[in-house]
Amino acid sequence: MAIEKLKIGIVVGSVRKGRNAEAVSKWMYNFACKRQDADYELVDLINYRLPLLGQEIHAEQQEEANFAIRNWSQKMATYDGYIFITPEYNHSVGGALKNALDYLKPELNNKAASFVGYGSLGGARAHENMRLILGELQVADVQAAVTFSLMTDFQNMTLFKPADYHEGNANKMLDQLLAWSGALKTLR
């Protein structure tokens, strides 16, 4: 009997023009896929065009907004675990990712998450903020994280050139994420 691989969504948590999130997300995706231990998929927030939660939506835009929200919810419900790629903005997670998470609750319950961050301190404060947000959404977060510094892992703060040692952190993070995702799957 074949064991079904876990499905892990790698969420690109920035929609800014000129964002570093694309390069970091592609690195994480390629690294994870080489392990061949789960089915990994990139989920880019930029493709969903979610309205600001609670914002008044004009009638002619309502159908498009509902479509985006429904697609986002359905996509996120398909995963057993998540890797959130997040920059650190003003000592916290970016607004686009926070807004996207505010549309979810049961889709994420009893699943696991990990973090890959970047910023002046590697996104560490964004990770701490994410732990609080995900706790409310009943998501278990793992201890290991990958943290890229804008000063040392990016040339001119834009060209992504990660140091080799991040691979060890990424392996540890993925090991923890898959263990917890598998264990939590038994609760759903």
N, C-alpha and C. Protein backbone atom coordinates (compact mmCIF):
# COMPACT_ATOMS: atom_id res chain seq x y z
N MET A 1 0.84 -1.18 0.00
CA MET A 1 0.00 0.00 0.00
C MET A 1 0.89 1.25 0.00
N ALA A 2 0.66 2.11 -0.96
CA ALA A 2 1.46 3.34 -1.07
C ALA A 2 0.98 4.37 -0.06
N ILE A 3 1.93 5.03 0.57
CA ILE A 3 1.60 6.09 1.51
C ILE A 3 1.46 7.39 0.74
N GLU A 4 0.36 8.06 0.96
CA GLU A 4 0.11 9.34 0.28
C GLU A 4 1.03 10.41 0.86
N LYS A 5 1.70 11.14 -0.03
CA LYS A 5 2.59 12.21 0.41
C LYS A 5 1.77 13.37 0.97
N LEU A 6 2.34 14.04 1.93
CA LEU A 6 1.72 15.25 2.46
C LEU A 6 1.78 16.35 1.41
N LYS A 7 0.79 17.23 1.44
CA LYS A 7 0.75 18.38 0.55
C LYS A 7 1.12 19.62 1.37
N ILE A 8 2.16 20.32 0.91
CA ILE A 8 2.65 21.49 1.63
C ILE A 8 2.57 22.71 0.72
N GLY A 9 1.88 23.74 1.16
CA GLY A 9 1.79 24.99 0.42
C GLY A 9 2.89 25.94 0.86
N ILE A 10 3.62 26.46 -0.10
CA ILE A 10 4.66 27.46 0.17
C ILE A 10 4.05 28.81 -0.21
N VAL A 11 3.65 29.57 0.78
CA VAL A 11 2.89 30.80 0.57
C VAL A 11 3.82 31.99 0.42
N VAL A 12 3.76 32.62 -0.74
CA VAL A 12 4.54 33.82 -1.03
C VAL A 12 3.80 35.00 -0.39
N GLY A 13 4.32 35.50 0.72
CA GLY A 13 3.59 36.44 1.56
C GLY A 13 3.79 37.91 1.29
N SER A 14 4.17 38.29 0.10
CA SER A 14 4.33 39.71 -0.24
C SER A 14 3.78 39.94 -1.64
N VAL A 15 3.18 41.09 -1.82
CA VAL A 15 2.66 41.46 -3.15
C VAL A 15 3.30 42.75 -3.67
N ARG A 16 4.28 43.24 -2.97
CA ARG A 16 4.93 44.49 -3.37
C ARG A 16 5.65 44.38 -4.70
N LYS A 17 5.63 45.48 -5.44
CA LYS A 17 6.41 45.56 -6.68
C LYS A 17 7.89 45.50 -6.30
N GLY A 18 8.67 44.72 -7.05
CA GLY A 18 10.09 44.59 -6.77
C GLY A 18 10.41 43.75 -5.56
N ARG A 19 9.48 42.95 -5.14
CA ARG A 19 9.62 42.15 -3.92
C ARG A 19 10.73 41.11 -4.02
N ASN A 20 11.37 40.86 -2.90
CA ASN A 20 12.38 39.81 -2.80
C ASN A 20 11.73 38.44 -2.55
N ALA A 21 10.45 38.44 -2.26
CA ALA A 21 9.74 37.20 -1.92
C ALA A 21 9.79 36.17 -3.03
N GLU A 22 9.78 36.60 -4.28
CA GLU A 22 9.81 35.64 -5.38
C GLU A 22 11.08 34.81 -5.36
N ALA A 23 12.22 35.45 -5.24
CA ALA A 23 13.50 34.73 -5.25
C ALA A 23 13.61 33.80 -4.04
N VAL A 24 13.21 34.27 -2.87
CA VAL A 24 13.27 33.46 -1.66
C VAL A 24 12.32 32.27 -1.78
N SER A 25 11.13 32.50 -2.28
CA SER A 25 10.14 31.43 -2.44
C SER A 25 10.61 30.37 -3.43
N LYS A 26 11.18 30.81 -4.53
CA LYS A 26 11.68 29.84 -5.53
C LYS A 26 12.83 29.02 -4.96
N TRP A 27 13.71 29.67 -4.19
CA TRP A 27 14.79 28.93 -3.55
C TRP A 27 14.22 27.85 -2.63
N MET A 28 13.25 28.24 -1.80
CA MET A 28 12.66 27.29 -0.84
C MET A 28 11.95 26.16 -1.58
N TYR A 29 11.20 26.51 -2.60
CA TYR A 29 10.47 25.50 -3.38
C TYR A 29 11.44 24.51 -4.02
N ASN A 30 12.46 25.00 -4.69
CA ASN A 30 13.44 24.12 -5.34
C ASN A 30 14.18 23.25 -4.32
N PHE A 31 14.55 23.84 -3.19
CA PHE A 31 15.23 23.09 -2.15
C PHE A 31 14.32 21.97 -1.62
N ALA A 32 13.08 22.31 -1.31
CA ALA A 32 12.15 21.33 -0.75
C ALA A 32 11.85 20.21 -1.75
N CYS A 33 11.63 20.56 -3.00
CA CYS A 33 11.30 19.55 -4.02
C CYS A 33 12.42 18.53 -4.20
N LYS A 34 13.66 18.94 -4.02
CA LYS A 34 14.79 18.01 -4.16
C LYS A 34 14.73 16.89 -3.14
N ARG A 35 14.09 17.12 -2.02
CA ARG A 35 13.98 16.10 -0.98
C ARG A 35 13.02 14.98 -1.37
N GLN A 36 12.04 15.27 -2.21
CA GLN A 36 11.06 14.30 -2.70
C GLN A 36 10.30 13.60 -1.57
N ASP A 37 10.05 14.32 -0.48
CA ASP A 37 9.37 13.71 0.67
C ASP A 37 7.95 14.22 0.87
N ALA A 38 7.52 15.16 0.04
CA ALA A 38 6.16 15.70 0.10
C ALA A 38 5.86 16.34 -1.24
N ASP A 39 4.60 16.67 -1.44
CA ASP A 39 4.22 17.42 -2.64
C ASP A 39 4.18 18.90 -2.25
N TYR A 40 5.10 19.67 -2.81
CA TYR A 40 5.22 21.10 -2.50
C TYR A 40 4.63 21.91 -3.65
N GLU A 41 3.98 23.02 -3.30
CA GLU A 41 3.39 23.89 -4.31
C GLU A 41 3.53 25.34 -3.87
N LEU A 42 3.91 26.20 -4.81
CA LEU A 42 3.95 27.64 -4.54
C LEU A 42 2.54 28.22 -4.61
N VAL A 43 2.21 29.04 -3.63
CA VAL A 43 0.93 29.73 -3.60
C VAL A 43 1.26 31.21 -3.45
N ASP A 44 1.10 31.97 -4.53
CA ASP A 44 1.50 33.37 -4.54
C ASP A 44 0.29 34.28 -4.30
N LEU A 45 0.34 35.05 -3.22
CA LEU A 45 -0.76 35.96 -2.89
C LEU A 45 -1.09 36.91 -4.03
N ILE A 46 -0.11 37.24 -4.82
CA ILE A 46 -0.33 38.21 -5.90
C ILE A 46 -1.37 37.71 -6.91
N ASN A 47 -1.56 36.39 -6.97
CA ASN A 47 -2.51 35.80 -7.91
C ASN A 47 -3.95 35.82 -7.42
N TYR A 48 -4.19 36.25 -6.19
CA TYR A 48 -5.54 36.17 -5.62
C TYR A 48 -6.26 37.51 -5.55
N ARG A 49 -5.54 38.59 -5.51
CA ARG A 49 -6.17 39.93 -5.51
C ARG A 49 -7.30 40.04 -4.48
N LEU A 50 -6.97 39.69 -3.26
CA LEU A 50 -7.96 39.71 -2.18
C LEU A 50 -8.26 41.15 -1.76
N PRO A 51 -9.53 41.47 -1.58
CA PRO A 51 -9.86 42.81 -1.09
C PRO A 51 -9.48 42.92 0.39
N LEU A 52 -9.32 44.13 0.86
CA LEU A 52 -9.05 44.36 2.27
C LEU A 52 -10.28 43.91 3.07
N LEU A 53 -10.05 43.05 4.04
CA LEU A 53 -11.15 42.50 4.82
C LEU A 53 -11.96 43.63 5.45
N GLY A 54 -13.26 43.61 5.23
CA GLY A 54 -14.15 44.63 5.78
C GLY A 54 -14.34 45.84 4.89
N GLN A 55 -13.58 45.94 3.83
CA GLN A 55 -13.69 47.07 2.91
C GLN A 55 -15.02 47.00 2.16
N GLU A 56 -15.59 48.15 1.92
CA GLU A 56 -16.82 48.21 1.12
C GLU A 56 -16.46 47.90 -0.33
N ILE A 57 -17.18 46.95 -0.88
CA ILE A 57 -16.93 46.53 -2.26
C ILE A 57 -18.13 46.93 -3.11
N HIS A 58 -17.85 47.63 -4.18
CA HIS A 58 -18.91 48.07 -5.08
C HIS A 58 -19.54 46.87 -5.78
N ALA A 59 -20.79 46.99 -6.12
CA ALA A 59 -21.55 45.88 -6.71
C ALA A 59 -20.87 45.29 -7.93
N GLU A 60 -20.29 46.12 -8.78
CA GLU A 60 -19.65 45.62 -10.00
C GLU A 60 -18.35 44.86 -9.71
N GLN A 61 -17.80 45.00 -8.50
CA GLN A 61 -16.59 44.29 -8.12
C GLN A 61 -16.86 43.11 -7.19
N GLN A 62 -18.11 42.96 -6.76
CA GLN A 62 -18.44 41.94 -5.77
C GLN A 62 -18.18 40.52 -6.27
N GLU A 63 -18.55 40.25 -7.50
CA GLU A 63 -18.36 38.90 -8.05
C GLU A 63 -16.87 38.55 -8.12
N GLU A 64 -16.05 39.50 -8.57
CA GLU A 64 -14.61 39.27 -8.65
C GLU A 64 -14.01 39.05 -7.26
N ALA A 65 -14.46 39.84 -6.28
CA ALA A 65 -13.97 39.70 -4.91
C ALA A 65 -14.37 38.34 -4.33
N ASN A 66 -15.61 37.96 -4.52
CA ASN A 66 -16.09 36.67 -4.02
C ASN A 66 -15.31 35.51 -4.65
N PHE A 67 -15.01 35.63 -5.93
CA PHE A 67 -14.26 34.61 -6.66
C PHE A 67 -12.85 34.47 -6.07
N ALA A 68 -12.19 35.61 -5.82
CA ALA A 68 -10.84 35.60 -5.25
C ALA A 68 -10.83 34.98 -3.86
N ILE A 69 -11.78 35.37 -3.04
CA ILE A 69 -11.86 34.86 -1.67
C ILE A 69 -12.13 33.35 -1.67
N ARG A 70 -13.06 32.91 -2.48
CA ARG A 70 -13.40 31.49 -2.58
C ARG A 70 -12.20 30.67 -3.06
N ASN A 71 -11.50 31.16 -4.10
CA ASN A 71 -10.34 30.44 -4.62
C ASN A 71 -9.22 30.35 -3.58
N TRP A 72 -8.98 31.44 -2.87
CA TRP A 72 -7.97 31.47 -1.82
C TRP A 72 -8.32 30.44 -0.72
N SER A 73 -9.54 30.47 -0.28
CA SER A 73 -10.00 29.56 0.77
C SER A 73 -9.88 28.10 0.32
N GLN A 74 -10.36 27.81 -0.87
CA GLN A 74 -10.30 26.44 -1.38
C GLN A 74 -8.86 25.97 -1.56
N LYS A 75 -8.00 26.81 -2.06
CA LYS A 75 -6.60 26.43 -2.26
C LYS A 75 -5.93 26.12 -0.92
N MET A 76 -6.11 26.98 0.05
CA MET A 76 -5.45 26.79 1.33
C MET A 76 -5.99 25.57 2.07
N ALA A 77 -7.23 25.20 1.84
CA ALA A 77 -7.82 24.03 2.49
C ALA A 77 -7.21 22.73 1.99
N THR A 78 -6.57 22.73 0.83
CA THR A 78 -6.04 21.50 0.24
C THR A 78 -4.73 21.02 0.86
N TYR A 79 -4.10 21.84 1.68
CA TYR A 79 -2.77 21.50 2.18
C TYR A 79 -2.82 20.88 3.58
N ASP A 80 -1.78 20.08 3.86
CA ASP A 80 -1.59 19.49 5.18
C ASP A 80 -0.71 20.38 6.05
N GLY A 81 0.08 21.24 5.43
CA GLY A 81 0.97 22.13 6.15
C GLY A 81 1.40 23.27 5.25
N TYR A 82 2.08 24.24 5.85
CA TYR A 82 2.42 25.46 5.14
C TYR A 82 3.83 25.93 5.48
N ILE A 83 4.45 26.53 4.48
CA ILE A 83 5.68 27.28 4.68
C ILE A 83 5.34 28.71 4.30
N PHE A 84 5.37 29.60 5.25
CA PHE A 84 5.05 31.00 4.97
C PHE A 84 6.34 31.76 4.71
N ILE A 85 6.46 32.32 3.52
CA ILE A 85 7.60 33.16 3.14
C ILE A 85 7.18 34.59 3.45
N THR A 86 7.85 35.20 4.41
CA THR A 86 7.40 36.53 4.81
C THR A 86 8.56 37.50 5.04
N PRO A 87 8.43 38.67 4.44
CA PRO A 87 9.37 39.74 4.78
C PRO A 87 8.97 40.33 6.13
N GLU A 88 9.87 41.08 6.69
CA GLU A 88 9.54 41.81 7.91
C GLU A 88 9.36 43.27 7.55
N TYR A 89 8.17 43.78 7.82
CA TYR A 89 7.87 45.20 7.60
C TYR A 89 7.54 45.82 8.96
N ASN A 90 8.28 46.82 9.35
CA ASN A 90 8.01 47.53 10.60
C ASN A 90 7.87 46.60 11.80
N HIS A 91 8.79 45.66 11.92
CA HIS A 91 8.84 44.70 13.04
C HIS A 91 7.66 43.73 13.03
N SER A 92 7.05 43.48 11.88
CA SER A 92 5.89 42.61 11.83
C SER A 92 5.75 41.97 10.46
N VAL A 93 4.73 41.15 10.34
CA VAL A 93 4.38 40.53 9.07
C VAL A 93 3.76 41.60 8.16
N GLY A 94 3.90 41.43 6.86
CA GLY A 94 3.33 42.38 5.91
C GLY A 94 1.81 42.35 5.90
N GLY A 95 1.22 43.47 5.55
CA GLY A 95 -0.23 43.62 5.55
C GLY A 95 -0.96 42.68 4.60
N ALA A 96 -0.39 42.40 3.45
CA ALA A 96 -1.05 41.52 2.47
C ALA A 96 -1.23 40.12 3.04
N LEU A 97 -0.20 39.60 3.70
CA LEU A 97 -0.30 38.25 4.28
C LEU A 97 -1.27 38.24 5.45
N LYS A 98 -1.21 39.25 6.30
CA LYS A 98 -2.14 39.32 7.43
C LYS A 98 -3.58 39.37 6.92
N ASN A 99 -3.82 40.19 5.92
CA ASN A 99 -5.16 40.30 5.35
C ASN A 99 -5.62 38.95 4.79
N ALA A 100 -4.74 38.26 4.08
CA ALA A 100 -5.09 36.97 3.49
C ALA A 100 -5.43 35.95 4.58
N LEU A 101 -4.67 35.95 5.65
CA LEU A 101 -4.94 35.02 6.74
C LEU A 101 -6.25 35.32 7.44
N ASP A 102 -6.64 36.60 7.47
CA ASP A 102 -7.90 36.98 8.11
C ASP A 102 -9.11 36.40 7.40
N TYR A 103 -8.97 35.95 6.18
CA TYR A 103 -10.07 35.32 5.44
C TYR A 103 -10.21 33.84 5.77
N LEU A 104 -9.27 33.30 6.54
CA LEU A 104 -9.24 31.86 6.78
C LEU A 104 -9.48 31.54 8.26
N LYS A 105 -10.01 30.37 8.50
CA LYS A 105 -10.06 29.81 9.86
C LYS A 105 -10.15 28.29 9.77
N PRO A 106 -11.32 27.72 9.40
CA PRO A 106 -11.40 26.25 9.40
C PRO A 106 -10.46 25.61 8.37
N GLU A 107 -10.11 26.35 7.33
CA GLU A 107 -9.23 25.81 6.30
C GLU A 107 -7.85 25.44 6.86
N LEU A 108 -7.45 26.10 7.93
CA LEU A 108 -6.12 25.92 8.50
C LEU A 108 -6.10 25.11 9.79
N ASN A 109 -7.26 24.89 10.39
CA ASN A 109 -7.31 24.23 11.70
C ASN A 109 -6.61 22.88 11.70
N ASN A 110 -5.86 22.64 12.77
CA ASN A 110 -5.16 21.38 12.99
C ASN A 110 -4.18 21.05 11.87
N LYS A 111 -3.46 22.06 11.44
CA LYS A 111 -2.39 21.88 10.47
C LYS A 111 -1.12 22.51 11.05
N ALA A 112 -0.01 22.34 10.36
CA ALA A 112 1.26 22.85 10.86
C ALA A 112 1.84 23.87 9.90
N ALA A 113 2.68 24.74 10.44
CA ALA A 113 3.30 25.79 9.63
C ALA A 113 4.75 26.00 10.05
N SER A 114 5.50 26.50 9.10
CA SER A 114 6.88 26.91 9.34
C SER A 114 7.10 28.23 8.63
N PHE A 115 8.26 28.84 8.90
CA PHE A 115 8.51 30.19 8.40
C PHE A 115 9.87 30.32 7.73
N VAL A 116 9.86 31.04 6.64
CA VAL A 116 11.07 31.48 5.97
C VAL A 116 10.95 32.99 5.87
N GLY A 117 11.88 33.70 6.46
CA GLY A 117 11.77 35.15 6.48
C GLY A 117 13.01 35.82 5.93
N TYR A 118 12.83 37.09 5.66
CA TYR A 118 13.96 37.91 5.24
C TYR A 118 13.73 39.33 5.70
N GLY A 119 14.82 40.00 5.99
CA GLY A 119 14.77 41.37 6.47
C GLY A 119 16.09 41.69 7.15
N SER A 120 16.12 42.81 7.86
CA SER A 120 17.37 43.19 8.51
C SER A 120 17.76 42.19 9.59
N LEU A 121 16.79 41.59 10.24
CA LEU A 121 17.05 40.54 11.24
C LEU A 121 16.53 39.19 10.76
N GLY A 122 16.47 39.01 9.46
CA GLY A 122 16.06 37.73 8.90
C GLY A 122 14.56 37.45 8.99
N GLY A 123 13.79 38.46 9.30
CA GLY A 123 12.35 38.26 9.41
C GLY A 123 11.91 37.67 10.74
N ALA A 124 12.82 37.62 11.72
CA ALA A 124 12.51 36.97 13.00
C ALA A 124 11.31 37.58 13.70
N ARG A 125 11.17 38.90 13.65
CA ARG A 125 10.04 39.53 14.34
C ARG A 125 8.74 39.27 13.60
N ALA A 126 8.80 39.12 12.27
CA ALA A 126 7.62 38.73 11.51
C ALA A 126 7.21 37.31 11.88
N HIS A 127 8.19 36.43 12.11
CA HIS A 127 7.89 35.06 12.51
C HIS A 127 7.17 35.05 13.86
N GLU A 128 7.65 35.86 14.80
CA GLU A 128 7.00 35.92 16.10
C GLU A 128 5.56 36.42 15.97
N ASN A 129 5.35 37.39 15.10
CA ASN A 129 4.00 37.89 14.86
C ASN A 129 3.13 36.80 14.23
N MET A 130 3.70 36.05 13.29
CA MET A 130 2.96 34.96 12.65
C MET A 130 2.56 33.89 13.67
N ARG A 131 3.40 33.62 14.64
CA ARG A 131 3.07 32.61 15.66
C ARG A 131 1.80 33.00 16.41
N LEU A 132 1.64 34.28 16.71
CA LEU A 132 0.44 34.76 17.40
C LEU A 132 -0.80 34.62 16.51
N ILE A 133 -0.67 35.03 15.27
CA ILE A 133 -1.79 34.96 14.32
C ILE A 133 -2.22 33.52 14.11
N LEU A 134 -1.25 32.65 13.85
CA LEU A 134 -1.58 31.25 13.56
C LEU A 134 -2.09 30.51 14.78
N GLY A 135 -1.66 30.91 15.97
CA GLY A 135 -2.20 30.31 17.19
C GLY A 135 -3.71 30.48 17.26
N GLU A 136 -4.19 31.64 16.90
CA GLU A 136 -5.63 31.91 16.89
C GLU A 136 -6.35 31.08 15.83
N LEU A 137 -5.64 30.73 14.77
CA LEU A 137 -6.23 29.93 13.68
C LEU A 137 -6.04 28.43 13.90
N GLN A 138 -5.59 28.03 15.08
CA GLN A 138 -5.37 26.64 15.47
C GLN A 138 -4.36 25.95 14.55
N VAL A 139 -3.28 26.67 14.26
CA VAL A 139 -2.18 26.13 13.46
C VAL A 139 -0.98 25.98 14.39
N ALA A 140 -0.39 24.81 14.38
CA ALA A 140 0.81 24.55 15.18
C ALA A 140 2.03 24.98 14.37
N ASP A 141 2.88 25.80 14.96
CA ASP A 141 4.08 26.22 14.23
C ASP A 141 5.29 25.52 14.81
N VAL A 142 6.22 25.18 13.93
CA VAL A 142 7.42 24.46 14.36
C VAL A 142 8.49 25.44 14.82
N GLN A 143 9.47 24.91 15.54
CA GLN A 143 10.50 25.75 16.14
C GLN A 143 11.51 26.25 15.12
N ALA A 144 11.97 25.38 14.23
CA ALA A 144 13.02 25.77 13.28
C ALA A 144 12.47 26.70 12.21
N ALA A 145 13.30 27.65 11.80
CA ALA A 145 12.92 28.61 10.76
C ALA A 145 14.16 28.92 9.92
N VAL A 146 13.91 29.47 8.76
CA VAL A 146 15.00 29.91 7.89
C VAL A 146 14.93 31.43 7.85
N THR A 147 16.06 32.09 8.12
CA THR A 147 16.09 33.55 8.20
C THR A 147 17.20 34.10 7.32
N PHE A 148 16.80 34.85 6.31
CA PHE A 148 17.75 35.45 5.38
C PHE A 148 17.93 36.93 5.70
N SER A 149 19.17 37.35 5.79
CA SER A 149 19.49 38.74 6.09
C SER A 149 19.59 39.54 4.79
N LEU A 150 18.97 40.70 4.78
CA LEU A 150 19.09 41.59 3.61
C LEU A 150 20.53 42.04 3.41
N MET A 151 21.31 42.07 4.50
CA MET A 151 22.68 42.56 4.41
C MET A 151 23.66 41.50 3.91
N THR A 152 23.43 40.24 4.25
CA THR A 152 24.42 39.21 3.91
C THR A 152 23.94 38.20 2.87
N ASP A 153 22.65 38.04 2.70
CA ASP A 153 22.12 37.05 1.75
C ASP A 153 21.57 37.68 0.47
N PHE A 154 21.66 38.98 0.38
CA PHE A 154 21.23 39.71 -0.81
C PHE A 154 22.33 40.68 -1.21
N GLN A 155 22.66 40.68 -2.46
CA GLN A 155 23.62 41.65 -2.98
C GLN A 155 22.85 42.93 -3.26
N ASN A 156 23.28 44.04 -2.71
CA ASN A 156 22.59 45.33 -2.83
C ASN A 156 21.14 45.25 -2.36
N MET A 157 20.88 44.37 -1.42
CA MET A 157 19.56 44.15 -0.82
C MET A 157 18.50 43.71 -1.83
N THR A 158 18.90 43.30 -3.03
CA THR A 158 17.92 42.89 -4.03
C THR A 158 18.25 41.55 -4.70
N LEU A 159 19.51 41.28 -4.99
CA LEU A 159 19.89 40.05 -5.68
C LEU A 159 20.15 38.96 -4.65
N PHE A 160 19.31 37.94 -4.66
CA PHE A 160 19.34 36.89 -3.65
C PHE A 160 20.50 35.94 -3.87
N LYS A 161 21.40 35.88 -2.88
CA LYS A 161 22.57 34.99 -2.92
C LYS A 161 22.73 34.41 -1.51
N PRO A 162 21.91 33.40 -1.20
CA PRO A 162 21.93 32.87 0.17
C PRO A 162 23.21 32.10 0.50
N ALA A 163 23.62 32.21 1.74
CA ALA A 163 24.78 31.46 2.23
C ALA A 163 24.40 29.98 2.31
N ASP A 164 25.39 29.13 2.13
CA ASP A 164 25.16 27.68 2.11
C ASP A 164 24.60 27.13 3.42
N TYR A 165 24.93 27.76 4.54
CA TYR A 165 24.50 27.22 5.83
C TYR A 165 22.98 27.20 6.00
N HIS A 166 22.25 27.97 5.19
CA HIS A 166 20.79 27.99 5.29
C HIS A 166 20.19 26.63 4.94
N GLU A 167 20.90 25.83 4.17
CA GLU A 167 20.38 24.52 3.80
C GLU A 167 20.18 23.63 5.03
N GLY A 168 21.07 23.71 6.00
CA GLY A 168 20.91 22.95 7.24
C GLY A 168 19.65 23.36 7.99
N ASN A 169 19.45 24.69 8.09
CA ASN A 169 18.23 25.19 8.75
C ASN A 169 16.99 24.76 7.99
N ALA A 170 17.04 24.80 6.66
CA ALA A 170 15.89 24.43 5.84
C ALA A 170 15.56 22.95 6.03
N ASN A 171 16.57 22.10 6.08
CA ASN A 171 16.31 20.67 6.30
C ASN A 171 15.68 20.42 7.67
N LYS A 172 16.21 21.07 8.69
CA LYS A 172 15.65 20.91 10.04
C LYS A 172 14.20 21.39 10.08
N MET A 173 13.93 22.54 9.45
CA MET A 173 12.59 23.09 9.42
C MET A 173 11.62 22.14 8.70
N LEU A 174 12.05 21.64 7.55
CA LEU A 174 11.20 20.73 6.78
C LEU A 174 10.96 19.43 7.53
N ASP A 175 11.96 18.90 8.19
CA ASP A 175 11.78 17.68 8.99
C ASP A 175 10.71 17.90 10.05
N GLN A 176 10.80 19.02 10.76
CA GLN A 176 9.81 19.32 11.81
C GLN A 176 8.42 19.53 11.20
N LEU A 177 8.36 20.28 10.11
CA LEU A 177 7.06 20.56 9.48
C LEU A 177 6.37 19.28 9.02
N LEU A 178 7.11 18.39 8.38
CA LEU A 178 6.50 17.16 7.89
C LEU A 178 6.07 16.26 9.04
N ALA A 179 6.85 16.20 10.10
CA ALA A 179 6.48 15.38 11.27
C ALA A 179 5.18 15.90 11.88
N TRP A 180 5.10 17.21 12.07
CA TRP A 180 3.91 17.78 12.70
C TRP A 180 2.71 17.72 11.75
N SER A 181 2.93 17.97 10.48
CA SER A 181 1.82 17.91 9.51
C SER A 181 1.24 16.51 9.45
N GLY A 182 2.11 15.51 9.48
CA GLY A 182 1.63 14.13 9.45
C GLY A 182 0.86 13.78 10.71
N ALA A 183 1.38 14.19 11.87
CA ALA A 183 0.71 13.90 13.13
C ALA A 183 -0.65 14.60 13.21
N LEU A 184 -0.70 15.85 12.80
CA LEU A 184 -1.94 16.61 12.88
C LEU A 184 -2.98 16.14 11.87
N LYS A 185 -2.54 15.52 10.81
CA LYS A 185 -3.48 14.99 9.81
C LYS A 185 -4.42 13.97 10.43
N THR A 186 -3.95 13.28 11.45
CA THR A 186 -4.79 12.27 12.11
C THR A 186 -5.95 12.91 12.89
N LEU A 187 -5.87 14.22 13.16
CA LEU A 187 -6.93 14.92 13.88
C LEU A 187 -8.04 15.43 12.97
N ARG A 188 -7.76 15.47 11.69
CA ARG A 188 -8.76 16.05 10.77
C ARG A 188 -9.62 14.97 10.14
